[in-house]
Amino acid sequence: MRIISVIEIKDGNVHNIDSFGIFEEQLSQEVVDKAEMLFIEKIRDYGCEAEDDELDEIIGDGYYDGMNFAINLVWSQI
């Protein structure tokens, strides 16, 4: 099973982890879309005002960081 997680770090500590499991390949894009939407929501909460093309690049990089925080989009397998 693959997992995509949105990890929120504040002041150097993990503040929150939201994980999305991909159980069936045919549903994987739906799960990835939900995780990416949460990732975008969280980076906007921290003041990111990026346009859509910039957001695609941020998603591709899998992280967004600032002075005392970072939001990561991480893939893993179990």
Protein backbone atom coordinates (compact mmCIF):
# COMPACT_ATOMS: atom_id res chain seq x y z
CA MET A 1 0.00 0.00 0.00
CA ARG A 2 1.20 3.49 -0.79
CA ILE A 3 0.61 6.45 1.50
CA ILE A 4 0.74 10.16 0.80
CA SER A 5 1.08 12.40 3.85
CA VAL A 6 0.84 16.11 4.49
CA ILE A 7 3.22 16.91 7.34
CA GLU A 8 3.05 20.26 9.14
CA ILE A 9 6.11 21.36 11.09
CA LYS A 10 6.10 24.37 13.44
CA ASP A 11 9.12 25.68 15.29
CA GLY A 12 11.12 22.57 14.35
CA ASN A 13 8.55 20.08 15.70
CA VAL A 14 6.00 17.95 13.88
CA HIS A 15 2.69 19.69 14.56
CA ASN A 16 0.33 17.57 12.47
CA ILE A 17 0.34 14.66 10.03
CA ASP A 18 -2.56 13.86 7.71
CA SER A 19 -2.10 10.59 5.81
CA PHE A 20 -4.05 9.19 2.89
CA GLY A 21 -3.79 5.48 2.05
CA ILE A 22 -4.04 4.25 -1.50
CA PHE A 23 -5.65 0.81 -1.35
CA GLU A 24 -6.83 0.47 -4.95
CA GLU A 25 -4.88 1.78 -7.92
CA GLN A 26 -8.02 2.82 -9.82
CA LEU A 27 -8.87 5.23 -6.99
CA SER A 28 -5.34 6.54 -6.53
CA GLN A 29 -5.84 9.84 -8.40
CA GLU A 30 -8.82 10.73 -6.18
CA VAL A 31 -6.71 10.16 -3.07
CA VAL A 32 -3.75 12.12 -4.47
CA ASP A 33 -6.08 15.00 -5.39
CA LYS A 34 -7.43 15.14 -1.81
CA ALA A 35 -3.91 15.16 -0.35
CA GLU A 36 -2.75 17.87 -2.75
CA MET A 37 -5.82 20.00 -1.97
CA LEU A 38 -5.05 19.74 1.76
CA PHE A 39 -1.40 20.62 1.08
CA ILE A 40 -2.48 23.73 -0.86
CA GLU A 41 -4.99 24.66 1.86
CA LYS A 42 -2.29 24.46 4.53
CA ILE A 43 0.28 26.51 2.60
CA ARG A 44 -2.37 29.15 1.91
CA ASP A 45 -3.12 29.25 5.65
CA TYR A 46 0.52 30.31 6.07
CA GLY A 47 0.17 33.11 3.54
CA CYS A 48 1.22 31.53 0.24
CA GLU A 49 -0.39 33.48 -2.58
CA ALA A 50 1.05 31.45 -5.47
CA GLU A 51 -0.72 31.19 -8.81
CA ASP A 52 -1.83 27.81 -10.23
CA ASP A 53 1.35 27.25 -12.24
CA GLU A 54 3.47 28.07 -9.19
CA LEU A 55 1.34 25.73 -7.07
CA ASP A 56 2.06 22.89 -9.50
CA GLU A 57 5.78 23.48 -9.00
CA ILE A 58 5.40 23.61 -5.20
CA ILE A 59 3.42 20.35 -5.27
CA GLY A 60 6.11 18.79 -7.47
CA ASP A 61 8.79 19.87 -4.99
CA GLY A 62 6.73 18.44 -2.13
CA TYR A 63 7.43 21.21 0.36
CA TYR A 64 6.76 24.80 1.26
CA ASP A 65 8.63 26.51 4.08
CA GLY A 66 8.90 29.81 5.86
CA MET A 67 10.47 31.34 8.94
CA ASN A 68 9.15 28.96 11.62
CA PHE A 69 7.18 26.39 9.66
CA ALA A 70 7.27 23.86 6.84
CA ILE A 71 4.59 21.89 5.05
CA ASN A 72 5.69 18.67 3.33
CA LEU A 73 3.95 16.36 0.89
CA VAL A 74 5.57 12.95 1.36
CA TRP A 75 5.11 9.56 -0.29
CA SER A 76 5.80 6.28 1.54
CA GLN A 77 5.02 2.58 1.23
CA ILE A 78 4.12 -0.06 3.75
